[in-house]
Protein backbone atom coordinates (compact mmCIF):
# COMPACT_ATOMS: atom_id res chain seq x y z
CA MET A 1 0.00 0.00 0.00
CA ARG A 2 2.76 2.42 0.80
CA ILE A 3 4.40 1.87 -2.62
CA SER A 4 1.05 2.34 -4.43
CA ARG A 5 0.36 5.58 -2.59
CA ALA A 6 3.84 6.83 -3.37
CA TRP A 7 3.38 6.14 -7.11
CA THR A 8 -0.06 7.79 -7.03
CA GLY A 9 1.39 10.95 -5.42
CA ALA A 10 4.23 11.05 -7.91
CA GLY A 11 1.74 10.77 -10.80
CA ARG A 12 -0.28 13.68 -9.49
CA LEU A 13 2.83 15.77 -9.08
CA ARG A 14 3.89 15.07 -12.69
CA ARG A 15 0.40 15.95 -14.01
CA ALA A 16 0.38 19.23 -12.06
CA THR A 17 3.85 20.10 -13.33
CA THR A 18 2.86 19.32 -16.94
CA ALA A 19 -0.30 21.45 -16.71
CA GLY A 20 1.65 24.36 -15.29
CA ALA A 21 4.19 24.09 -18.09
CA LEU A 22 1.41 24.19 -20.69
CA VAL A 23 -0.06 27.38 -19.18
CA VAL A 24 3.35 29.09 -19.20
CA ALA A 25 3.93 28.03 -22.81
CA LEU A 26 0.54 29.42 -23.94
CA PHE A 27 1.23 32.80 -22.34
CA GLY A 28 4.68 32.81 -23.91
CA VAL A 29 3.19 32.33 -27.40
CA ALA A 30 0.64 35.09 -26.80
CA ALA A 31 3.39 37.52 -25.73
CA CYS A 32 5.51 36.83 -28.86
CA THR A 33 2.65 37.25 -31.34
CA GLY A 34 1.19 40.45 -29.82
CA THR A 35 -2.24 38.79 -29.50
CA ALA A 36 -4.01 39.43 -26.24
CA PRO A 37 -5.53 36.39 -24.45
CA GLY A 38 -9.18 35.89 -25.25
CA GLY A 39 -8.97 35.53 -29.05
CA PRO A 40 -6.49 35.90 -31.91
CA ALA A 41 -6.25 39.16 -33.80
CA ALA A 42 -7.23 39.29 -37.49
CA ALA A 43 -4.33 38.55 -39.83
CA GLY A 44 -2.47 41.70 -40.88
CA SER A 45 -4.35 44.00 -38.49
CA ALA A 46 -2.53 46.46 -36.27
CA PRO A 47 -2.99 46.53 -32.48
CA ALA A 48 -5.76 48.84 -31.34
CA PRO A 49 -4.42 52.30 -30.34
CA ALA A 50 -4.66 53.47 -26.78
CA SER A 51 -7.84 55.42 -26.04
CA THR A 52 -7.42 59.20 -25.79
CA GLY A 53 -10.98 59.90 -24.75
CA THR A 54 -11.81 61.47 -28.15
CA PRO A 55 -13.51 59.37 -30.84
CA PRO A 56 -11.50 59.18 -34.09
CA PRO A 57 -12.82 61.16 -37.12
CA PRO A 58 -14.59 59.29 -39.94
CA ALA A 59 -12.27 57.79 -42.56
CA ASP A 60 -13.64 60.13 -45.26
CA ALA A 61 -13.46 63.33 -43.18
CA ALA A 62 -11.87 66.28 -44.99
CA PRO A 63 -8.66 67.68 -43.44
CA THR A 64 -9.24 70.79 -41.37
CA PRO A 65 -6.55 73.42 -40.64
CA ALA A 66 -5.79 74.60 -37.12
CA SER A 67 -8.04 77.65 -37.54
CA GLY A 68 -11.09 75.40 -37.83
CA SER A 69 -12.11 76.59 -41.30
CA PRO A 70 -11.98 74.26 -44.33
CA ALA A 71 -8.79 74.52 -46.37
CA ALA A 72 -9.29 76.77 -49.42
CA GLN A 73 -8.62 75.32 -52.87
CA VAL A 74 -5.71 77.09 -54.56
CA PRO A 75 -6.68 78.54 -57.97
CA ASP A 76 -4.17 78.42 -60.82
CA VAL A 77 -3.75 82.19 -60.75
CA LEU A 78 -2.22 81.96 -57.25
CA ARG A 79 0.11 79.06 -57.98
CA PHE A 80 3.34 81.05 -58.00
CA THR A 81 6.22 81.73 -55.65
CA GLY A 82 8.88 84.38 -55.32
CA THR A 83 11.31 86.14 -53.01
CA THR A 84 10.56 89.41 -51.27
CA LEU A 85 12.90 92.39 -51.29
CA GLY A 86 13.69 91.44 -47.71
CA GLY A 87 14.90 88.01 -48.81
CA ALA A 88 11.94 85.97 -47.50
CA ALA A 89 10.26 83.20 -49.49
CA PHE A 90 6.79 84.08 -50.75
CA ASP A 91 4.09 81.55 -51.70
CA ALA A 92 0.90 83.02 -53.16
CA ALA A 93 -1.00 79.80 -52.43
CA ARG A 94 -1.38 80.88 -48.81
CA LEU A 95 -3.65 83.72 -50.01
CA ALA A 96 -6.21 81.33 -51.48
CA GLY A 97 -9.77 82.01 -50.40
CA LYS A 98 -9.26 85.78 -50.13
CA PRO A 99 -9.44 88.62 -52.66
CA VAL A 100 -5.89 89.66 -53.58
CA VAL A 101 -4.46 92.84 -55.09
CA LEU A 102 -1.19 92.59 -57.02
CA TRP A 103 0.52 95.92 -57.61
CA PHE A 104 3.12 95.97 -60.40
CA TRP A 105 5.45 98.93 -59.98
CA ALA A 106 8.90 100.22 -60.94
CA PRO A 107 11.18 102.23 -58.63
CA TRP A 108 11.70 105.12 -61.07
CA CYS A 109 7.99 105.50 -61.95
CA ALA A 110 6.42 108.80 -60.85
CA THR A 111 2.88 107.38 -61.14
CA CYS A 112 3.89 104.46 -58.92
CA ALA A 113 5.22 106.94 -56.37
CA SER A 114 1.85 108.71 -56.20
CA GLN A 115 0.07 105.39 -55.77
CA ALA A 116 2.53 104.26 -53.10
CA TRP A 117 1.04 106.70 -50.57
CA THR A 118 -2.41 105.15 -51.01
CA VAL A 119 -1.08 101.59 -50.76
CA ALA A 120 0.84 102.44 -47.58
CA GLU A 121 -2.31 103.99 -46.10
CA ILE A 122 -4.88 101.26 -46.84
CA GLU A 123 -2.76 98.08 -46.73
CA PRO A 124 -2.66 97.78 -42.92
CA ARG A 125 -6.44 98.31 -42.73
CA TYR A 126 -7.27 95.50 -45.17
CA ARG A 127 -4.28 93.20 -44.59
CA ASP A 128 -6.37 90.34 -43.21
CA THR A 129 -9.27 90.63 -45.65
CA VAL A 130 -7.80 91.89 -48.96
CA PRO A 131 -4.01 91.41 -49.01
CA ILE A 132 -2.05 93.81 -51.21
CA VAL A 133 1.19 92.46 -52.65
CA GLY A 134 3.69 94.57 -54.57
CA VAL A 135 5.61 93.12 -57.53
CA ALA A 136 8.66 95.29 -58.22
CA GLY A 137 10.23 95.16 -61.69
CA LEU A 138 12.01 97.15 -64.40
CA GLY A 139 14.77 98.24 -62.06
CA GLU A 140 17.59 97.25 -59.75
CA ARG A 141 17.12 95.75 -56.32
CA LYS A 142 18.88 98.64 -54.56
CA ALA A 143 16.53 101.19 -56.13
CA MET A 144 13.51 99.02 -55.27
CA LYS A 145 14.51 98.84 -51.61
CA GLU A 146 15.03 102.62 -51.51
CA PHE A 147 11.55 103.12 -52.97
CA VAL A 148 10.01 100.88 -50.29
CA THR A 149 11.82 102.78 -47.53
CA GLU A 150 10.93 106.21 -48.89
CA PHE A 151 7.20 105.47 -49.08
CA ASP A 152 6.98 103.46 -45.86
CA LEU A 153 5.99 100.22 -47.61
CA GLY A 154 8.07 97.91 -45.45
CA ALA A 155 5.06 96.16 -43.91
CA THR A 156 3.59 95.37 -47.34
CA PRO A 157 4.93 92.21 -49.05
CA GLN A 158 7.06 93.30 -52.01
CA ILE A 159 8.19 90.59 -54.43
CA GLU A 160 11.44 91.21 -56.28
CA ASP A 161 10.85 90.49 -59.99
CA THR A 162 13.95 91.82 -61.71
CA THR A 163 13.71 89.01 -64.28
CA GLY A 164 10.14 89.98 -65.18
CA ALA A 165 8.80 86.43 -64.69
CA LEU A 166 5.66 87.52 -62.83
CA TRP A 167 5.13 90.51 -65.09
CA LYS A 168 5.03 88.12 -68.05
CA ARG A 169 2.83 85.64 -66.19
CA PHE A 170 0.19 88.33 -65.62
CA LYS A 171 0.74 89.99 -69.02
CA VAL A 172 1.84 93.29 -67.53
CA THR A 173 3.64 95.38 -70.13
CA GLU A 174 3.82 98.74 -68.35
CA GLN A 175 3.70 100.29 -64.90
CA SER A 176 1.76 101.00 -62.80
CA ILE A 177 -0.78 98.17 -63.11
CA PHE A 178 -3.10 96.62 -60.53
CA VAL A 179 -4.28 93.04 -60.99
CA ILE A 180 -7.20 92.28 -58.69
CA ILE A 181 -8.24 88.67 -58.06
CA ASP A 182 -11.47 87.81 -56.27
CA ARG A 183 -11.81 85.11 -53.61
CA ASN A 184 -12.74 82.53 -56.30
CA GLY A 185 -9.53 83.08 -58.24
CA THR A 186 -11.04 85.20 -61.03
CA VAL A 187 -9.18 88.30 -62.28
CA VAL A 188 -11.73 91.10 -61.94
CA HIS A 189 -9.45 94.03 -62.79
CA HIS A 190 -6.26 94.42 -64.85
CA GLY A 191 -5.10 97.97 -65.42
CA PHE A 192 -4.46 101.40 -63.97
CA LEU A 193 -6.15 102.70 -60.80
CA ASP A 194 -5.68 106.02 -59.07
CA GLY A 195 -5.67 106.20 -55.29
CA GLU A 196 -9.38 106.90 -54.93
CA ALA A 197 -10.46 104.10 -57.27
CA LEU A 198 -8.07 101.63 -55.60
CA THR A 199 -9.46 102.43 -52.16
CA ALA A 200 -13.04 102.00 -53.36
CA LYS A 201 -12.34 98.63 -55.00
CA VAL A 202 -10.47 97.25 -51.99
CA ALA A 203 -13.23 98.39 -49.63
CA ALA A 204 -15.88 96.75 -51.83
CA LEU A 205 -13.94 93.47 -51.90
CA ALA A 206 -13.53 93.52 -48.13
CA GLY A 207 -17.29 93.86 -47.68
CA ALA A 208 -18.22 91.26 -50.31
């Protein structure tokens, strides 16, 4: 009887040891495959992200900029870049969705000088609603910078176009010319404007 009981106890011990080893092995497999106990993950699927407390957006949701307004589509007329007289990169695409005034001027032009006072006066007032951008050409960079300083235009973006690339793009053949683009990307004016007419047009665009 003693021998039988000893063999019985040894058998139970071996079965308990074997069962424990199987449990450890199963958990080891789960840890290596990244599958949590309770059911295998679908083949090729990524682990579920940690919850942040905010439900994820729908898969077809349109991207929204930080300001909260939908991103404006960039029209072809604003797909150009340049360098300002101050040496900064300029990308017209960032003006999409707003009316824009492009002012083509030359540093030696007396008419441009008379218009410069109006631009310097109204640009700060309408900067956020109707941006005015100067495009300086038909002259040297030094003379252009002197013109900007003399007429207090430093706060107004002034693109250096000594090669005439933008003048050709907008078919400007003389100075001083204003090219006005509405918020939809349509050119609504291409030609001369005196100070009074420029102010009226910019004010109308701001209120549109």
